[in-house]
Amino acid sequence: MLLAGCYGPCKPSSLFLADSFSVHFFLFTIKTVNNVKPGHKFQTKILPLSDLQQKVAAWKQAGKTIVFTNGCFDILHAGHIASLSEAAEQGDVLVVALNSDASVKKLKGESRPVNDEKARAMVMAALGMVDAVTVFTEPTPRELIVALLPDVLVKGGDYKVEEIAGAKEVIANGGRVVINPIVEGFSTTSLIEKMKS
């Protein structure tokens, strides 16, 4: 677990540390959240759809392979990092779409998200492997995927291609779909339960 939802300045002692990898990334996250300033360069990665479409068009024109993935990413953990790293290896540019707070609440329950969409977007944008971050409010990212038409659509989990939102459109446009298996032993829900116990 990397960020468990601090209000005000975060301190390592106030958070649950899952493993040694998390400790190092954790401290980086705390420093980032506590010292972020308006206009910090990683914040320029957080884009509304209209700006993101322009960015993606420019990247495509430059011959870049666009990779798209999405998720709640409420409490970032090593499983997320592994999945995002694998996604980034599928192309040149990684676009991450985050479920909005309202969307997370519908999917996960009234007590979620732990971190609001602004905080989640900021943490995601701070990752070097991520090139752009956007937030979507719809139940699925299908409309966003159709608007961007990435070259590679990456989804984590035990899915069939035909079950993945936007897969049909990406394939019809000449792209491909990659399903990354879930990294065992890491779960936001289980981390929350550990913090409660």
N, C-alpha and C. Protein backbone atom coordinates (compact mmCIF):
# COMPACT_ATOMS: atom_id res chain seq x y z
N MET A 1 0.83 -1.18 0.00
CA MET A 1 0.00 0.00 0.00
C MET A 1 0.86 1.23 0.00
N LEU A 2 0.49 2.21 -0.80
CA LEU A 2 1.32 3.39 -0.89
C LEU A 2 0.69 4.63 -0.31
N LEU A 3 -0.59 4.76 -0.38
CA LEU A 3 -1.24 5.95 0.16
C LEU A 3 -2.58 5.56 0.72
N ALA A 4 -2.76 5.74 2.02
CA ALA A 4 -3.96 5.23 2.67
C ALA A 4 -4.96 6.32 2.99
N GLY A 5 -4.79 7.48 2.46
CA GLY A 5 -5.77 8.53 2.67
C GLY A 5 -5.44 9.39 3.86
N CYS A 6 -4.53 10.35 3.70
CA CYS A 6 -4.18 11.26 4.78
C CYS A 6 -4.93 12.55 4.58
N TYR A 7 -5.30 13.18 5.64
CA TYR A 7 -5.95 14.47 5.58
C TYR A 7 -5.02 15.44 6.27
N GLY A 8 -4.48 16.42 5.53
CA GLY A 8 -3.40 17.22 6.05
C GLY A 8 -2.09 16.53 5.72
N PRO A 9 -0.97 17.00 6.30
CA PRO A 9 0.33 16.39 6.00
C PRO A 9 0.35 14.91 6.33
N CYS A 10 0.90 14.10 5.44
CA CYS A 10 0.98 12.65 5.66
C CYS A 10 2.26 12.31 6.38
N LYS A 11 2.20 11.35 7.28
CA LYS A 11 3.37 10.85 7.98
C LYS A 11 3.45 9.35 7.80
N PRO A 12 4.65 8.81 7.60
CA PRO A 12 4.77 7.37 7.42
C PRO A 12 4.15 6.57 8.54
N SER A 13 4.23 7.08 9.77
CA SER A 13 3.70 6.33 10.91
C SER A 13 2.19 6.18 10.87
N SER A 14 1.52 7.02 10.09
CA SER A 14 0.06 6.98 10.05
C SER A 14 -0.47 6.03 9.00
N LEU A 15 0.43 5.36 8.26
CA LEU A 15 0.02 4.55 7.14
C LEU A 15 0.51 3.12 7.27
N PHE A 16 -0.20 2.21 6.64
CA PHE A 16 0.16 0.79 6.66
C PHE A 16 1.13 0.49 5.53
N LEU A 17 2.28 -0.09 5.85
CA LEU A 17 3.28 -0.41 4.85
C LEU A 17 3.20 -1.88 4.49
N ALA A 18 2.95 -2.19 3.23
CA ALA A 18 2.72 -3.57 2.83
C ALA A 18 4.02 -4.35 2.60
N ASP A 19 5.04 -3.74 2.01
CA ASP A 19 6.28 -4.46 1.73
C ASP A 19 7.39 -3.45 1.51
N SER A 20 8.62 -3.92 1.34
CA SER A 20 9.76 -3.02 1.23
C SER A 20 9.68 -2.14 -0.01
N PHE A 21 9.14 -2.68 -1.11
CA PHE A 21 8.95 -1.86 -2.31
C PHE A 21 8.02 -0.70 -1.99
N SER A 22 6.94 -1.01 -1.29
CA SER A 22 5.96 0.01 -0.96
C SER A 22 6.56 1.11 -0.09
N VAL A 23 7.47 0.73 0.82
CA VAL A 23 8.07 1.73 1.72
C VAL A 23 8.75 2.82 0.92
N HIS A 24 9.57 2.45 -0.06
CA HIS A 24 10.30 3.44 -0.83
C HIS A 24 9.36 4.29 -1.69
N PHE A 25 8.44 3.62 -2.37
CA PHE A 25 7.52 4.37 -3.22
C PHE A 25 6.59 5.23 -2.37
N PHE A 26 6.25 4.70 -1.19
CA PHE A 26 5.41 5.35 -0.21
C PHE A 26 5.94 6.70 0.20
N LEU A 27 7.26 6.70 0.55
CA LEU A 27 7.89 7.94 1.00
C LEU A 27 7.93 8.95 -0.13
N PHE A 28 8.15 8.46 -1.36
CA PHE A 28 8.10 9.35 -2.52
C PHE A 28 6.71 9.96 -2.66
N THR A 29 5.68 9.13 -2.48
CA THR A 29 4.30 9.60 -2.61
C THR A 29 3.98 10.65 -1.56
N ILE A 30 4.38 10.39 -0.32
CA ILE A 30 4.13 11.33 0.77
C ILE A 30 4.79 12.67 0.46
N LYS A 31 6.05 12.62 0.03
CA LYS A 31 6.77 13.85 -0.30
C LYS A 31 6.07 14.59 -1.43
N THR A 32 5.63 13.85 -2.43
CA THR A 32 4.95 14.46 -3.57
C THR A 32 3.66 15.15 -3.15
N VAL A 33 2.82 14.43 -2.38
CA VAL A 33 1.53 14.98 -1.98
C VAL A 33 1.69 16.19 -1.09
N ASN A 34 2.67 16.16 -0.18
CA ASN A 34 2.85 17.25 0.77
C ASN A 34 3.50 18.48 0.16
N ASN A 35 4.25 18.30 -0.92
CA ASN A 35 5.02 19.42 -1.47
C ASN A 35 4.57 19.87 -2.85
N VAL A 36 3.48 19.29 -3.34
CA VAL A 36 3.04 19.64 -4.69
C VAL A 36 2.67 21.11 -4.78
N LYS A 37 3.04 21.74 -5.86
CA LYS A 37 2.73 23.15 -6.09
C LYS A 37 1.93 23.27 -7.38
N PRO A 38 1.03 24.25 -7.44
CA PRO A 38 0.28 24.44 -8.69
C PRO A 38 1.24 24.63 -9.85
N GLY A 39 0.97 23.96 -10.95
CA GLY A 39 1.81 24.09 -12.12
C GLY A 39 3.00 23.15 -12.15
N HIS A 40 3.14 22.31 -11.13
CA HIS A 40 4.23 21.32 -11.14
C HIS A 40 4.12 20.50 -12.42
N LYS A 41 5.26 20.16 -13.01
CA LYS A 41 5.23 19.60 -14.36
C LYS A 41 4.42 18.31 -14.48
N PHE A 42 4.39 17.46 -13.41
CA PHE A 42 3.63 16.23 -13.56
C PHE A 42 2.13 16.50 -13.61
N GLN A 43 1.71 17.66 -13.08
CA GLN A 43 0.28 17.99 -13.13
C GLN A 43 -0.18 18.26 -14.55
N THR A 44 0.74 18.57 -15.44
CA THR A 44 0.37 18.81 -16.84
C THR A 44 -0.03 17.51 -17.53
N LYS A 45 0.22 16.37 -16.88
CA LYS A 45 -0.23 15.09 -17.44
C LYS A 45 -1.72 14.86 -17.22
N ILE A 46 -2.33 15.58 -16.29
CA ILE A 46 -3.74 15.38 -15.96
C ILE A 46 -4.57 16.24 -16.91
N LEU A 47 -5.34 15.59 -17.79
CA LEU A 47 -5.97 16.30 -18.89
C LEU A 47 -7.46 15.99 -19.02
N PRO A 48 -8.26 17.00 -19.39
CA PRO A 48 -9.65 16.72 -19.78
C PRO A 48 -9.64 16.05 -21.15
N LEU A 49 -10.75 15.45 -21.53
CA LEU A 49 -10.81 14.69 -22.77
C LEU A 49 -10.39 15.50 -23.99
N SER A 50 -10.86 16.75 -24.11
CA SER A 50 -10.56 17.55 -25.30
C SER A 50 -9.05 17.74 -25.47
N ASP A 51 -8.36 18.04 -24.37
CA ASP A 51 -6.90 18.22 -24.44
C ASP A 51 -6.20 16.88 -24.68
N LEU A 52 -6.72 15.83 -24.07
CA LEU A 52 -6.12 14.51 -24.25
C LEU A 52 -6.24 14.06 -25.70
N GLN A 53 -7.37 14.33 -26.34
CA GLN A 53 -7.54 13.97 -27.76
C GLN A 53 -6.47 14.63 -28.62
N GLN A 54 -6.18 15.90 -28.34
CA GLN A 54 -5.16 16.62 -29.10
C GLN A 54 -3.78 16.00 -28.86
N LYS A 55 -3.50 15.66 -27.60
CA LYS A 55 -2.22 15.03 -27.26
C LYS A 55 -2.07 13.70 -27.99
N VAL A 56 -3.11 12.88 -27.92
CA VAL A 56 -3.06 11.56 -28.55
C VAL A 56 -2.89 11.69 -30.06
N ALA A 57 -3.58 12.65 -30.66
CA ALA A 57 -3.45 12.87 -32.11
C ALA A 57 -2.01 13.24 -32.47
N ALA A 58 -1.39 14.08 -31.65
CA ALA A 58 0.00 14.49 -31.90
C ALA A 58 0.95 13.31 -31.73
N TRP A 59 0.71 12.51 -30.70
CA TRP A 59 1.55 11.33 -30.50
C TRP A 59 1.43 10.34 -31.66
N LYS A 60 0.20 10.15 -32.12
CA LYS A 60 -0.01 9.24 -33.26
C LYS A 60 0.69 9.76 -34.50
N GLN A 61 0.59 11.07 -34.72
CA GLN A 61 1.23 11.67 -35.89
C GLN A 61 2.75 11.49 -35.83
N ALA A 62 3.28 11.45 -34.61
CA ALA A 62 4.72 11.26 -34.42
C ALA A 62 5.12 9.78 -34.47
N GLY A 63 4.14 8.92 -34.75
CA GLY A 63 4.43 7.49 -34.89
C GLY A 63 4.48 6.72 -33.59
N LYS A 64 3.96 7.31 -32.52
CA LYS A 64 3.96 6.65 -31.22
C LYS A 64 2.82 5.64 -31.12
N THR A 65 3.08 4.54 -30.41
CA THR A 65 2.05 3.54 -30.13
C THR A 65 1.38 3.91 -28.81
N ILE A 66 0.06 4.12 -28.87
CA ILE A 66 -0.70 4.58 -27.70
C ILE A 66 -1.29 3.39 -26.96
N VAL A 67 -1.00 3.30 -25.67
CA VAL A 67 -1.54 2.25 -24.81
C VAL A 67 -2.53 2.89 -23.83
N PHE A 68 -3.66 2.24 -23.66
CA PHE A 68 -4.71 2.76 -22.77
C PHE A 68 -5.06 1.71 -21.72
N THR A 69 -5.17 2.14 -20.48
CA THR A 69 -5.69 1.27 -19.43
C THR A 69 -6.52 2.12 -18.48
N ASN A 70 -7.30 1.46 -17.65
CA ASN A 70 -8.17 2.22 -16.74
C ASN A 70 -8.36 1.47 -15.43
N GLY A 71 -8.86 2.19 -14.44
CA GLY A 71 -9.15 1.57 -13.15
C GLY A 71 -9.45 2.61 -12.10
N CYS A 72 -9.76 2.13 -10.90
CA CYS A 72 -10.03 3.04 -9.77
C CYS A 72 -8.73 3.53 -9.15
N PHE A 73 -7.76 2.64 -8.99
CA PHE A 73 -6.46 2.97 -8.42
C PHE A 73 -6.62 3.81 -7.14
N ASP A 74 -7.45 3.29 -6.24
CA ASP A 74 -7.79 4.05 -5.03
C ASP A 74 -6.62 4.13 -4.06
N ILE A 75 -6.10 2.98 -3.67
CA ILE A 75 -4.90 2.93 -2.84
C ILE A 75 -3.84 2.21 -3.66
N LEU A 76 -2.90 2.96 -4.17
CA LEU A 76 -1.91 2.39 -5.09
C LEU A 76 -1.01 1.40 -4.36
N HIS A 77 -0.88 0.20 -4.91
CA HIS A 77 -0.04 -0.82 -4.29
C HIS A 77 0.86 -1.47 -5.35
N ALA A 78 1.72 -2.38 -4.90
CA ALA A 78 2.71 -2.99 -5.80
C ALA A 78 2.06 -3.75 -6.94
N GLY A 79 0.88 -4.31 -6.72
CA GLY A 79 0.16 -4.99 -7.80
C GLY A 79 -0.22 -4.03 -8.91
N HIS A 80 -0.65 -2.82 -8.53
CA HIS A 80 -0.96 -1.80 -9.53
C HIS A 80 0.30 -1.42 -10.31
N ILE A 81 1.40 -1.24 -9.59
CA ILE A 81 2.65 -0.83 -10.24
C ILE A 81 3.09 -1.88 -11.25
N ALA A 82 3.00 -3.15 -10.88
CA ALA A 82 3.37 -4.23 -11.80
C ALA A 82 2.49 -4.22 -13.04
N SER A 83 1.19 -4.03 -12.84
CA SER A 83 0.25 -4.02 -13.96
C SER A 83 0.49 -2.83 -14.88
N LEU A 84 0.71 -1.65 -14.28
CA LEU A 84 0.97 -0.45 -15.08
C LEU A 84 2.29 -0.57 -15.84
N SER A 85 3.28 -1.16 -15.20
CA SER A 85 4.58 -1.36 -15.85
C SER A 85 4.44 -2.27 -17.07
N GLU A 86 3.68 -3.35 -16.92
CA GLU A 86 3.45 -4.26 -18.03
C GLU A 86 2.68 -3.57 -19.15
N ALA A 87 1.72 -2.73 -18.77
CA ALA A 87 0.96 -1.98 -19.78
C ALA A 87 1.88 -1.03 -20.55
N ALA A 88 2.75 -0.33 -19.82
CA ALA A 88 3.65 0.63 -20.45
C ALA A 88 4.58 -0.03 -21.46
N GLU A 89 4.92 -1.29 -21.21
CA GLU A 89 5.82 -2.02 -22.11
C GLU A 89 5.16 -2.38 -23.44
N GLN A 90 3.84 -2.20 -23.54
CA GLN A 90 3.12 -2.56 -24.76
C GLN A 90 3.22 -1.49 -25.85
N GLY A 91 3.78 -0.33 -25.52
CA GLY A 91 3.86 0.73 -26.52
C GLY A 91 4.76 1.86 -26.06
N ASP A 92 4.56 3.03 -26.67
CA ASP A 92 5.41 4.19 -26.38
C ASP A 92 4.80 5.16 -25.38
N VAL A 93 3.48 5.24 -25.36
CA VAL A 93 2.76 6.21 -24.53
C VAL A 93 1.69 5.48 -23.73
N LEU A 94 1.65 5.71 -22.42
CA LEU A 94 0.63 5.09 -21.58
C LEU A 94 -0.36 6.13 -21.08
N VAL A 95 -1.62 5.94 -21.45
CA VAL A 95 -2.72 6.78 -20.99
C VAL A 95 -3.51 6.01 -19.94
N VAL A 96 -3.71 6.62 -18.78
CA VAL A 96 -4.47 5.98 -17.70
C VAL A 96 -5.75 6.77 -17.45
N ALA A 97 -6.88 6.07 -17.51
CA ALA A 97 -8.18 6.68 -17.23
C ALA A 97 -8.64 6.23 -15.85
N LEU A 98 -8.99 7.19 -15.01
CA LEU A 98 -9.43 6.91 -13.64
C LEU A 98 -10.94 7.03 -13.52
N ASN A 99 -11.54 6.08 -12.82
CA ASN A 99 -12.96 6.20 -12.49
C ASN A 99 -13.15 7.42 -11.59
N SER A 100 -14.18 8.20 -11.86
CA SER A 100 -14.50 9.35 -11.01
C SER A 100 -14.91 8.86 -9.62
N ASP A 101 -14.98 9.78 -8.66
CA ASP A 101 -15.39 9.41 -7.31
C ASP A 101 -16.78 8.78 -7.31
N ALA A 102 -17.70 9.37 -8.06
CA ALA A 102 -19.07 8.83 -8.11
C ALA A 102 -19.07 7.43 -8.71
N SER A 103 -18.24 7.22 -9.72
CA SER A 103 -18.15 5.90 -10.36
C SER A 103 -17.57 4.87 -9.40
N VAL A 104 -16.53 5.23 -8.65
CA VAL A 104 -15.93 4.32 -7.67
C VAL A 104 -16.95 3.94 -6.60
N LYS A 105 -17.69 4.93 -6.16
CA LYS A 105 -18.71 4.70 -5.12
C LYS A 105 -19.74 3.67 -5.59
N LYS A 106 -20.15 3.79 -6.84
CA LYS A 106 -21.12 2.84 -7.40
C LYS A 106 -20.53 1.43 -7.51
N LEU A 107 -19.26 1.36 -7.86
CA LEU A 107 -18.60 0.06 -8.05
C LEU A 107 -18.20 -0.60 -6.74
N LYS A 108 -17.71 0.22 -5.79
CA LYS A 108 -17.07 -0.32 -4.59
C LYS A 108 -17.86 -0.12 -3.29
N GLY A 109 -18.85 0.78 -3.31
CA GLY A 109 -19.62 1.01 -2.09
C GLY A 109 -19.45 2.42 -1.56
N GLU A 110 -20.30 2.79 -0.61
CA GLU A 110 -20.36 4.15 -0.09
C GLU A 110 -19.09 4.61 0.61
N SER A 111 -18.31 3.67 1.15
CA SER A 111 -17.10 4.05 1.88
C SER A 111 -15.91 4.34 0.97
N ARG A 112 -16.07 4.16 -0.30
CA ARG A 112 -14.99 4.37 -1.26
C ARG A 112 -15.34 5.53 -2.20
N PRO A 113 -14.36 6.21 -2.78
CA PRO A 113 -12.94 5.91 -2.67
C PRO A 113 -12.34 6.45 -1.38
N VAL A 114 -11.20 5.91 -1.00
CA VAL A 114 -10.45 6.44 0.14
C VAL A 114 -9.81 7.75 -0.26
N ASN A 115 -9.22 7.78 -1.43
CA ASN A 115 -8.60 8.99 -1.99
C ASN A 115 -9.48 9.54 -3.11
N ASP A 116 -9.75 10.84 -3.07
CA ASP A 116 -10.63 11.41 -4.09
C ASP A 116 -9.94 11.44 -5.46
N GLU A 117 -10.71 11.75 -6.48
CA GLU A 117 -10.19 11.65 -7.85
C GLU A 117 -9.02 12.60 -8.11
N LYS A 118 -9.03 13.76 -7.46
CA LYS A 118 -7.92 14.70 -7.63
C LYS A 118 -6.63 14.10 -7.08
N ALA A 119 -6.71 13.51 -5.88
CA ALA A 119 -5.52 12.89 -5.27
C ALA A 119 -5.06 11.68 -6.07
N ARG A 120 -6.02 10.86 -6.53
CA ARG A 120 -5.67 9.67 -7.31
C ARG A 120 -5.00 10.05 -8.62
N ALA A 121 -5.52 11.10 -9.26
CA ALA A 121 -4.94 11.57 -10.52
C ALA A 121 -3.53 12.10 -10.30
N MET A 122 -3.33 12.81 -9.20
CA MET A 122 -2.02 13.38 -8.90
C MET A 122 -0.98 12.29 -8.67
N VAL A 123 -1.34 11.27 -7.89
CA VAL A 123 -0.42 10.16 -7.63
C VAL A 123 -0.11 9.42 -8.93
N MET A 124 -1.13 9.19 -9.75
CA MET A 124 -0.92 8.48 -11.02
C MET A 124 -0.01 9.29 -11.95
N ALA A 125 -0.24 10.59 -12.01
CA ALA A 125 0.56 11.45 -12.89
C ALA A 125 2.02 11.54 -12.45
N ALA A 126 2.27 11.28 -11.17
CA ALA A 126 3.64 11.34 -10.65
C ALA A 126 4.48 10.14 -11.08
N LEU A 127 3.82 9.10 -11.59
CA LEU A 127 4.54 7.91 -12.04
C LEU A 127 5.22 8.17 -13.38
N GLY A 128 6.50 7.88 -13.46
CA GLY A 128 7.24 8.13 -14.69
C GLY A 128 6.75 7.33 -15.87
N MET A 129 6.20 6.14 -15.63
CA MET A 129 5.74 5.28 -16.72
C MET A 129 4.42 5.76 -17.33
N VAL A 130 3.74 6.69 -16.66
CA VAL A 130 2.44 7.20 -17.12
C VAL A 130 2.64 8.52 -17.85
N ASP A 131 2.07 8.62 -19.05
CA ASP A 131 2.23 9.83 -19.86
C ASP A 131 1.05 10.78 -19.80
N ALA A 132 -0.13 10.25 -19.52
CA ALA A 132 -1.32 11.10 -19.43
C ALA A 132 -2.36 10.44 -18.54
N VAL A 133 -3.10 11.28 -17.82
CA VAL A 133 -4.15 10.81 -16.91
C VAL A 133 -5.42 11.60 -17.19
N THR A 134 -6.53 10.90 -17.20
CA THR A 134 -7.82 11.57 -17.33
C THR A 134 -8.83 10.87 -16.44
N VAL A 135 -9.91 11.56 -16.12
CA VAL A 135 -10.96 11.01 -15.25
C VAL A 135 -12.23 10.86 -16.08
N PHE A 136 -12.90 9.71 -15.95
CA PHE A 136 -14.16 9.52 -16.67
C PHE A 136 -15.29 9.26 -15.67
N THR A 137 -16.48 9.74 -16.03
CA THR A 137 -17.63 9.66 -15.12
C THR A 137 -18.61 8.56 -15.51
N GLU A 138 -18.48 8.02 -16.71
CA GLU A 138 -19.41 7.00 -17.19
C GLU A 138 -19.17 5.67 -16.47
N PRO A 139 -20.14 4.76 -16.53
CA PRO A 139 -19.96 3.44 -15.89
C PRO A 139 -18.77 2.66 -16.42
N THR A 140 -18.48 2.80 -17.71
CA THR A 140 -17.31 2.16 -18.32
C THR A 140 -16.56 3.21 -19.15
N PRO A 141 -15.30 2.94 -19.51
CA PRO A 141 -14.55 3.90 -20.31
C PRO A 141 -14.79 3.78 -21.81
N ARG A 142 -15.84 3.09 -22.22
CA ARG A 142 -16.06 2.84 -23.65
C ARG A 142 -16.05 4.13 -24.48
N GLU A 143 -16.81 5.14 -24.05
CA GLU A 143 -16.89 6.39 -24.81
C GLU A 143 -15.51 7.04 -24.94
N LEU A 144 -14.75 6.98 -23.88
CA LEU A 144 -13.40 7.54 -23.87
C LEU A 144 -12.50 6.78 -24.84
N ILE A 145 -12.60 5.47 -24.81
CA ILE A 145 -11.80 4.62 -25.70
C ILE A 145 -12.16 4.90 -27.16
N VAL A 146 -13.44 5.02 -27.45
CA VAL A 146 -13.89 5.32 -28.82
C VAL A 146 -13.37 6.68 -29.27
N ALA A 147 -13.33 7.64 -28.34
CA ALA A 147 -12.85 8.98 -28.68
C ALA A 147 -11.34 9.00 -28.96
N LEU A 148 -10.60 8.15 -28.26
CA LEU A 148 -9.14 8.15 -28.39
C LEU A 148 -8.61 7.11 -29.37
N LEU A 149 -9.32 5.98 -29.49
CA LEU A 149 -8.90 4.85 -30.32
C LEU A 149 -7.41 4.52 -30.15
N PRO A 150 -7.04 4.05 -28.97
CA PRO A 150 -5.65 3.68 -28.73
C PRO A 150 -5.23 2.49 -29.58
N ASP A 151 -3.93 2.32 -29.73
CA ASP A 151 -3.41 1.18 -30.49
C ASP A 151 -3.49 -0.11 -29.67
N VAL A 152 -3.35 0.03 -28.36
CA VAL A 152 -3.38 -1.12 -27.46
C VAL A 152 -4.28 -0.80 -26.27
N LEU A 153 -5.22 -1.69 -26.01
CA LEU A 153 -6.10 -1.57 -24.84
C LEU A 153 -5.70 -2.65 -23.85
N VAL A 154 -5.30 -2.23 -22.65
CA VAL A 154 -4.84 -3.18 -21.63
C VAL A 154 -5.84 -3.22 -20.48
N LYS A 155 -6.22 -4.43 -20.10
CA LYS A 155 -7.15 -4.62 -18.98
C LYS A 155 -6.58 -5.67 -18.05
N GLY A 156 -6.61 -5.39 -16.77
CA GLY A 156 -6.15 -6.37 -15.79
C GLY A 156 -7.31 -7.19 -15.27
N GLY A 157 -7.09 -8.48 -15.10
CA GLY A 157 -8.15 -9.32 -14.54
C GLY A 157 -8.46 -10.53 -15.37
N ASP A 158 -9.44 -11.27 -14.92
CA ASP A 158 -9.85 -12.52 -15.58
C ASP A 158 -11.01 -12.24 -16.52
N TYR A 159 -10.72 -11.58 -17.63
CA TYR A 159 -11.74 -11.20 -18.60
C TYR A 159 -11.57 -11.96 -19.91
N LYS A 160 -12.65 -12.02 -20.67
CA LYS A 160 -12.57 -12.42 -22.07
C LYS A 160 -12.58 -11.13 -22.87
N VAL A 161 -11.94 -11.14 -24.02
CA VAL A 161 -11.82 -9.92 -24.83
C VAL A 161 -13.19 -9.31 -25.10
N GLU A 162 -14.17 -10.16 -25.42
CA GLU A 162 -15.50 -9.63 -25.76
C GLU A 162 -16.21 -8.98 -24.58
N GLU A 163 -15.70 -9.18 -23.37
CA GLU A 163 -16.31 -8.59 -22.18
C GLU A 163 -15.72 -7.21 -21.85
N ILE A 164 -14.66 -6.83 -22.52
CA ILE A 164 -13.95 -5.60 -22.19
C ILE A 164 -14.53 -4.41 -22.95
N ALA A 165 -14.92 -3.38 -22.22
CA ALA A 165 -15.48 -2.17 -22.83
C ALA A 165 -14.48 -1.56 -23.80
N GLY A 166 -14.92 -1.29 -25.01
CA GLY A 166 -14.09 -0.65 -26.02
C GLY A 166 -13.23 -1.59 -26.83
N ALA A 167 -13.18 -2.86 -26.46
CA ALA A 167 -12.31 -3.82 -27.17
C ALA A 167 -12.70 -3.96 -28.63
N LYS A 168 -13.99 -4.06 -28.88
CA LYS A 168 -14.47 -4.24 -30.26
C LYS A 168 -14.04 -3.08 -31.14
N GLU A 169 -14.16 -1.88 -30.61
CA GLU A 169 -13.82 -0.68 -31.39
C GLU A 169 -12.31 -0.59 -31.64
N VAL A 170 -11.51 -0.93 -30.63
CA VAL A 170 -10.06 -0.88 -30.79
C VAL A 170 -9.60 -1.89 -31.85
N ILE A 171 -10.14 -3.10 -31.78
CA ILE A 171 -9.77 -4.15 -32.75
C ILE A 171 -10.22 -3.76 -34.16
N ALA A 172 -11.43 -3.20 -34.27
CA ALA A 172 -11.94 -2.77 -35.58
C ALA A 172 -11.08 -1.68 -36.20
N ASN A 173 -10.38 -0.93 -35.35
CA ASN A 173 -9.52 0.15 -35.83
C ASN A 173 -8.09 -0.33 -36.08
N GLY A 174 -7.88 -1.64 -35.97
CA GLY A 174 -6.55 -2.19 -36.23
C GLY A 174 -5.68 -2.34 -35.00
N GLY A 175 -6.25 -2.06 -33.82
CA GLY A 175 -5.49 -2.19 -32.58
C GLY A 175 -5.61 -3.58 -31.98
N ARG A 176 -5.06 -3.73 -30.79
CA ARG A 176 -5.11 -5.03 -30.12
C ARG A 176 -5.47 -4.86 -28.65
N VAL A 177 -5.89 -5.96 -28.05
CA VAL A 177 -6.29 -5.97 -26.64
C VAL A 177 -5.37 -6.92 -25.88
N VAL A 178 -4.86 -6.46 -24.75
CA VAL A 178 -3.98 -7.27 -23.90
C VAL A 178 -4.63 -7.41 -22.53
N ILE A 179 -4.72 -8.64 -22.05
CA ILE A 179 -5.27 -8.89 -20.72
C ILE A 179 -4.13 -9.28 -19.78
N ASN A 180 -3.88 -8.44 -18.78
CA ASN A 180 -2.85 -8.73 -17.80
C ASN A 180 -3.46 -9.47 -16.62
N PRO A 181 -2.89 -10.59 -16.22
CA PRO A 181 -3.43 -11.29 -15.05
C PRO A 181 -3.26 -10.47 -13.78
N ILE A 182 -4.18 -10.62 -12.85
CA ILE A 182 -4.09 -9.94 -11.56
C ILE A 182 -2.86 -10.45 -10.81
N VAL A 183 -2.11 -9.54 -10.19
CA VAL A 183 -0.97 -9.93 -9.37
C VAL A 183 -1.49 -10.42 -8.02
N GLU A 184 -1.25 -11.68 -7.73
CA GLU A 184 -1.78 -12.28 -6.51
C GLU A 184 -1.15 -11.64 -5.27
N GLY A 185 -1.97 -11.52 -4.22
CA GLY A 185 -1.46 -11.04 -2.93
C GLY A 185 -1.62 -9.55 -2.71
N PHE A 186 -2.18 -8.85 -3.70
CA PHE A 186 -2.38 -7.41 -3.56
C PHE A 186 -3.82 -7.06 -3.89
N SER A 187 -4.47 -6.37 -2.97
CA SER A 187 -5.86 -5.97 -3.15
C SER A 187 -6.13 -4.75 -2.30
N THR A 188 -6.72 -3.72 -2.90
CA THR A 188 -7.07 -2.52 -2.14
C THR A 188 -8.03 -2.85 -1.01
N THR A 189 -9.02 -3.70 -1.31
CA THR A 189 -10.00 -4.08 -0.29
C THR A 189 -9.34 -4.77 0.89
N SER A 190 -8.41 -5.70 0.60
CA SER A 190 -7.73 -6.41 1.69
C SER A 190 -6.83 -5.48 2.49
N LEU A 191 -6.23 -4.49 1.83
CA LEU A 191 -5.41 -3.52 2.55
C LEU A 191 -6.26 -2.69 3.50
N ILE A 192 -7.44 -2.31 3.05
CA ILE A 192 -8.35 -1.54 3.91
C ILE A 192 -8.75 -2.38 5.12
N GLU A 193 -9.02 -3.65 4.90
CA GLU A 193 -9.39 -4.54 6.02
C GLU A 193 -8.23 -4.69 7.00
N LYS A 194 -7.01 -4.77 6.50
CA LYS A 194 -5.84 -4.87 7.38
C LYS A 194 -5.70 -3.61 8.24
N MET A 195 -5.96 -2.47 7.64
CA MET A 195 -5.85 -1.22 8.38
C MET A 195 -6.91 -1.12 9.48
N LYS A 196 -8.05 -1.73 9.24
CA LYS A 196 -9.13 -1.71 10.23
C LYS A 196 -8.84 -2.63 11.40
N SER A 197 -8.11 -3.73 11.13
CA SER A 197 -7.89 -4.74 12.17
C SER A 197 -6.71 -4.39 13.08
